[in-house]
Amino acid sequence: MPNCARTAKSLRTRLARFTAPVSHKTPDFQLENHGSLFLLRPLNDAAKNWMDEHLPVANPETQFWGDSIIIEPRYVAPIVDGILADGLALR
């Protein structure tokens, strides 16, 4: 069983690059870290379209908080990589 403190620190270290400003582009998504889960909120139509195409938003098991999709920490890095690779920005 992994050390939870080490796992959390490793995740914070890996995600630190996503919280630093990458550009001065208006953000398309807001990513919030709430410890045991993350909230990814689309801020415009391009972000909503990206979510529809790349995330299981129509799956009945997918959970939302308002218009934000709830993401387990283990899935955040690949999702953020996909957002950035497609030229969208995060806040």
N, C-alpha and C. Protein backbone atom coordinates (compact mmCIF):
# COMPACT_ATOMS: atom_id res chain seq x y z
N MET A 1 0.86 -1.18 0.00
CA MET A 1 0.00 0.00 0.00
C MET A 1 0.90 1.24 0.00
N PRO A 2 0.66 2.19 -0.91
CA PRO A 2 1.54 3.35 -1.00
C PRO A 2 1.37 4.29 0.19
N ASN A 3 2.45 4.99 0.49
CA ASN A 3 2.43 5.98 1.54
C ASN A 3 1.60 7.16 1.06
N CYS A 4 0.48 7.45 1.76
CA CYS A 4 -0.45 8.50 1.31
C CYS A 4 0.21 9.87 1.28
N ALA A 5 1.04 10.17 2.27
CA ALA A 5 1.70 11.48 2.30
C ALA A 5 2.64 11.62 1.12
N ARG A 6 3.39 10.57 0.81
CA ARG A 6 4.31 10.61 -0.32
C ARG A 6 3.55 10.72 -1.64
N THR A 7 2.45 9.98 -1.75
CA THR A 7 1.64 10.04 -2.96
C THR A 7 1.06 11.43 -3.16
N ALA A 8 0.54 12.04 -2.10
CA ALA A 8 -0.02 13.39 -2.20
C ALA A 8 1.05 14.40 -2.57
N LYS A 9 2.25 14.27 -1.98
CA LYS A 9 3.34 15.19 -2.29
C LYS A 9 3.77 15.02 -3.75
N SER A 10 3.84 13.78 -4.21
CA SER A 10 4.22 13.51 -5.59
C SER A 10 3.20 14.13 -6.55
N LEU A 11 1.93 14.00 -6.23
CA LEU A 11 0.89 14.58 -7.08
C LEU A 11 1.00 16.09 -7.09
N ARG A 12 1.22 16.70 -5.92
CA ARG A 12 1.36 18.16 -5.86
C ARG A 12 2.54 18.61 -6.69
N THR A 13 3.65 17.86 -6.63
CA THR A 13 4.84 18.22 -7.41
C THR A 13 4.55 18.12 -8.89
N ARG A 14 3.90 17.04 -9.33
CA ARG A 14 3.59 16.86 -10.75
C ARG A 14 2.61 17.91 -11.25
N LEU A 15 1.67 18.33 -10.41
CA LEU A 15 0.67 19.28 -10.84
C LEU A 15 1.11 20.73 -10.69
N ALA A 16 2.23 20.97 -10.04
CA ALA A 16 2.70 22.34 -9.84
C ALA A 16 2.89 23.07 -11.16
N ARG A 17 3.33 22.36 -12.19
CA ARG A 17 3.54 23.01 -13.48
C ARG A 17 2.23 23.49 -14.10
N PHE A 18 1.10 22.92 -13.68
CA PHE A 18 -0.18 23.33 -14.24
C PHE A 18 -0.73 24.57 -13.56
N THR A 19 -0.24 24.90 -12.37
CA THR A 19 -0.74 26.07 -11.66
C THR A 19 0.08 27.31 -12.02
N ALA A 20 1.26 27.11 -12.57
CA ALA A 20 2.07 28.24 -12.98
C ALA A 20 1.51 28.81 -14.28
N PRO A 21 1.52 30.13 -14.41
CA PRO A 21 0.99 30.70 -15.64
C PRO A 21 1.83 30.28 -16.85
N VAL A 22 1.20 29.64 -17.81
CA VAL A 22 1.89 29.16 -19.00
C VAL A 22 1.91 30.25 -20.06
N SER A 23 0.83 31.01 -20.16
CA SER A 23 0.74 32.08 -21.13
C SER A 23 -0.23 33.13 -20.60
N HIS A 24 -0.39 34.17 -21.36
CA HIS A 24 -1.33 35.22 -20.98
C HIS A 24 -2.68 35.03 -21.67
N LYS A 25 -2.87 33.85 -22.23
CA LYS A 25 -4.12 33.52 -22.90
C LYS A 25 -5.25 33.43 -21.88
N THR A 26 -6.43 33.85 -22.29
CA THR A 26 -7.60 33.72 -21.42
C THR A 26 -7.84 32.25 -21.15
N PRO A 27 -8.02 31.86 -19.88
CA PRO A 27 -8.18 30.43 -19.58
C PRO A 27 -9.49 29.87 -20.12
N ASP A 28 -9.41 28.61 -20.53
CA ASP A 28 -10.58 27.89 -21.01
C ASP A 28 -11.20 27.04 -19.90
N PHE A 29 -10.37 26.64 -18.95
CA PHE A 29 -10.81 25.80 -17.84
C PHE A 29 -10.31 26.37 -16.53
N GLN A 30 -11.05 26.08 -15.48
CA GLN A 30 -10.58 26.33 -14.12
C GLN A 30 -10.43 24.98 -13.46
N LEU A 31 -9.24 24.70 -12.91
CA LEU A 31 -8.97 23.44 -12.23
C LEU A 31 -8.78 23.74 -10.75
N GLU A 32 -9.58 23.10 -9.91
CA GLU A 32 -9.52 23.31 -8.47
C GLU A 32 -9.12 22.01 -7.78
N ASN A 33 -8.14 22.09 -6.90
CA ASN A 33 -7.68 20.95 -6.11
C ASN A 33 -8.38 20.99 -4.76
N HIS A 34 -9.16 19.96 -4.47
CA HIS A 34 -9.84 19.85 -3.19
C HIS A 34 -9.33 18.65 -2.40
N GLY A 35 -8.07 18.31 -2.61
CA GLY A 35 -7.44 17.22 -1.86
C GLY A 35 -7.74 15.86 -2.44
N SER A 36 -8.88 15.29 -2.06
CA SER A 36 -9.21 13.94 -2.53
C SER A 36 -9.90 13.94 -3.88
N LEU A 37 -10.19 15.12 -4.42
CA LEU A 37 -10.78 15.23 -5.74
C LEU A 37 -10.44 16.58 -6.35
N PHE A 38 -10.61 16.66 -7.66
CA PHE A 38 -10.40 17.90 -8.40
C PHE A 38 -11.69 18.25 -9.11
N LEU A 39 -11.91 19.54 -9.30
CA LEU A 39 -13.04 20.02 -10.09
C LEU A 39 -12.49 20.70 -11.33
N LEU A 40 -12.98 20.30 -12.49
CA LEU A 40 -12.59 20.90 -13.75
C LEU A 40 -13.82 21.59 -14.33
N ARG A 41 -13.74 22.93 -14.39
CA ARG A 41 -14.89 23.71 -14.85
C ARG A 41 -14.59 24.37 -16.19
N PRO A 42 -15.42 24.13 -17.19
CA PRO A 42 -15.23 24.79 -18.48
C PRO A 42 -15.65 26.26 -18.36
N LEU A 43 -14.86 27.15 -18.95
CA LEU A 43 -15.15 28.58 -18.85
C LEU A 43 -15.68 29.18 -20.15
N ASN A 44 -15.73 28.38 -21.21
CA ASN A 44 -16.23 28.87 -22.49
C ASN A 44 -16.72 27.69 -23.34
N ASP A 45 -17.25 28.01 -24.51
CA ASP A 45 -17.79 26.96 -25.38
C ASP A 45 -16.73 26.00 -25.89
N ALA A 46 -15.52 26.52 -26.16
CA ALA A 46 -14.44 25.64 -26.62
C ALA A 46 -14.12 24.59 -25.56
N ALA A 47 -14.11 24.99 -24.31
CA ALA A 47 -13.84 24.05 -23.21
C ALA A 47 -14.97 23.04 -23.07
N LYS A 48 -16.22 23.50 -23.20
CA LYS A 48 -17.35 22.57 -23.11
C LYS A 48 -17.29 21.55 -24.24
N ASN A 49 -16.96 22.01 -25.44
CA ASN A 49 -16.83 21.08 -26.57
C ASN A 49 -15.71 20.08 -26.33
N TRP A 50 -14.58 20.55 -25.77
CA TRP A 50 -13.46 19.65 -25.49
C TRP A 50 -13.90 18.58 -24.49
N MET A 51 -14.60 18.99 -23.45
CA MET A 51 -15.08 18.03 -22.46
C MET A 51 -16.01 17.00 -23.09
N ASP A 52 -16.91 17.46 -23.95
CA ASP A 52 -17.85 16.54 -24.61
C ASP A 52 -17.12 15.51 -25.46
N GLU A 53 -16.03 15.92 -26.10
CA GLU A 53 -15.29 15.03 -26.98
C GLU A 53 -14.31 14.11 -26.26
N HIS A 54 -13.78 14.54 -25.12
CA HIS A 54 -12.67 13.81 -24.48
C HIS A 54 -12.97 13.21 -23.11
N LEU A 55 -14.06 13.61 -22.48
CA LEU A 55 -14.39 13.10 -21.15
C LEU A 55 -15.75 12.41 -21.19
N PRO A 56 -15.98 11.47 -20.28
CA PRO A 56 -17.25 10.71 -20.30
C PRO A 56 -18.41 11.49 -19.68
N VAL A 57 -18.71 12.67 -20.22
CA VAL A 57 -19.74 13.52 -19.63
C VAL A 57 -21.15 12.92 -19.74
N ALA A 58 -21.39 12.07 -20.71
CA ALA A 58 -22.72 11.46 -20.87
C ALA A 58 -22.88 10.18 -20.05
N ASN A 59 -21.80 9.69 -19.47
CA ASN A 59 -21.85 8.47 -18.67
C ASN A 59 -22.61 8.75 -17.38
N PRO A 60 -23.59 7.92 -17.03
CA PRO A 60 -24.36 8.17 -15.80
C PRO A 60 -23.52 8.06 -14.53
N GLU A 61 -22.35 7.43 -14.60
CA GLU A 61 -21.49 7.33 -13.42
C GLU A 61 -20.61 8.56 -13.22
N THR A 62 -20.52 9.42 -14.23
CA THR A 62 -19.73 10.65 -14.11
C THR A 62 -20.46 11.60 -13.18
N GLN A 63 -19.69 12.18 -12.25
CA GLN A 63 -20.29 13.08 -11.27
C GLN A 63 -19.89 14.52 -11.55
N PHE A 64 -20.83 15.41 -11.31
CA PHE A 64 -20.62 16.83 -11.51
C PHE A 64 -20.93 17.59 -10.21
N TRP A 65 -20.30 18.73 -10.07
CA TRP A 65 -20.62 19.68 -9.02
C TRP A 65 -20.92 20.98 -9.76
N GLY A 66 -22.19 21.29 -9.93
CA GLY A 66 -22.57 22.41 -10.79
C GLY A 66 -22.18 22.06 -12.22
N ASP A 67 -21.43 22.95 -12.86
CA ASP A 67 -20.98 22.65 -14.23
C ASP A 67 -19.57 22.08 -14.26
N SER A 68 -19.00 21.79 -13.09
CA SER A 68 -17.66 21.20 -13.01
C SER A 68 -17.74 19.69 -12.96
N ILE A 69 -16.84 19.03 -13.67
CA ILE A 69 -16.75 17.58 -13.61
C ILE A 69 -15.80 17.22 -12.45
N ILE A 70 -16.16 16.20 -11.70
CA ILE A 70 -15.35 15.76 -10.58
C ILE A 70 -14.36 14.71 -11.10
N ILE A 71 -13.07 14.92 -10.76
CA ILE A 71 -12.01 14.05 -11.26
C ILE A 71 -11.18 13.52 -10.10
N GLU A 72 -10.92 12.23 -10.12
CA GLU A 72 -10.00 11.64 -9.14
C GLU A 72 -8.58 12.11 -9.45
N PRO A 73 -7.76 12.31 -8.43
CA PRO A 73 -6.40 12.82 -8.64
C PRO A 73 -5.57 12.02 -9.64
N ARG A 74 -5.76 10.71 -9.70
CA ARG A 74 -4.95 9.90 -10.61
C ARG A 74 -5.22 10.19 -12.08
N TYR A 75 -6.35 10.80 -12.39
CA TYR A 75 -6.70 11.11 -13.78
C TYR A 75 -6.39 12.54 -14.20
N VAL A 76 -6.01 13.38 -13.25
CA VAL A 76 -5.84 14.80 -13.55
C VAL A 76 -4.70 15.06 -14.53
N ALA A 77 -3.54 14.48 -14.29
CA ALA A 77 -2.38 14.77 -15.15
C ALA A 77 -2.65 14.43 -16.62
N PRO A 78 -3.19 13.24 -16.95
CA PRO A 78 -3.45 12.96 -18.37
C PRO A 78 -4.51 13.89 -18.98
N ILE A 79 -5.50 14.27 -18.20
CA ILE A 79 -6.53 15.18 -18.71
C ILE A 79 -5.92 16.55 -18.98
N VAL A 80 -5.13 17.04 -18.05
CA VAL A 80 -4.48 18.35 -18.23
C VAL A 80 -3.53 18.30 -19.41
N ASP A 81 -2.78 17.21 -19.55
CA ASP A 81 -1.90 17.07 -20.72
C ASP A 81 -2.69 17.18 -22.01
N GLY A 82 -3.86 16.55 -22.08
CA GLY A 82 -4.69 16.60 -23.28
C GLY A 82 -5.22 18.00 -23.54
N ILE A 83 -5.63 18.69 -22.49
CA ILE A 83 -6.13 20.06 -22.63
C ILE A 83 -5.03 20.95 -23.21
N LEU A 84 -3.84 20.88 -22.60
CA LEU A 84 -2.73 21.73 -23.06
C LEU A 84 -2.27 21.35 -24.47
N ALA A 85 -2.26 20.05 -24.78
CA ALA A 85 -1.83 19.58 -26.10
C ALA A 85 -2.78 20.10 -27.19
N ASP A 86 -4.04 20.30 -26.84
CA ASP A 86 -5.02 20.80 -27.80
C ASP A 86 -5.06 22.32 -27.86
N GLY A 87 -4.13 22.98 -27.16
CA GLY A 87 -4.01 24.44 -27.25
C GLY A 87 -4.94 25.22 -26.35
N LEU A 88 -5.56 24.54 -25.41
CA LEU A 88 -6.44 25.24 -24.46
C LEU A 88 -5.63 25.61 -23.21
N ALA A 89 -6.15 26.52 -22.43
CA ALA A 89 -5.43 27.02 -21.25
C ALA A 89 -6.21 26.74 -19.97
N LEU A 90 -5.45 26.60 -18.89
CA LEU A 90 -6.00 26.35 -17.56
C LEU A 90 -5.72 27.51 -16.63
N ARG A 91 -6.61 27.64 -15.67
CA ARG A 91 -6.37 28.59 -14.58
C ARG A 91 -6.39 27.79 -13.31
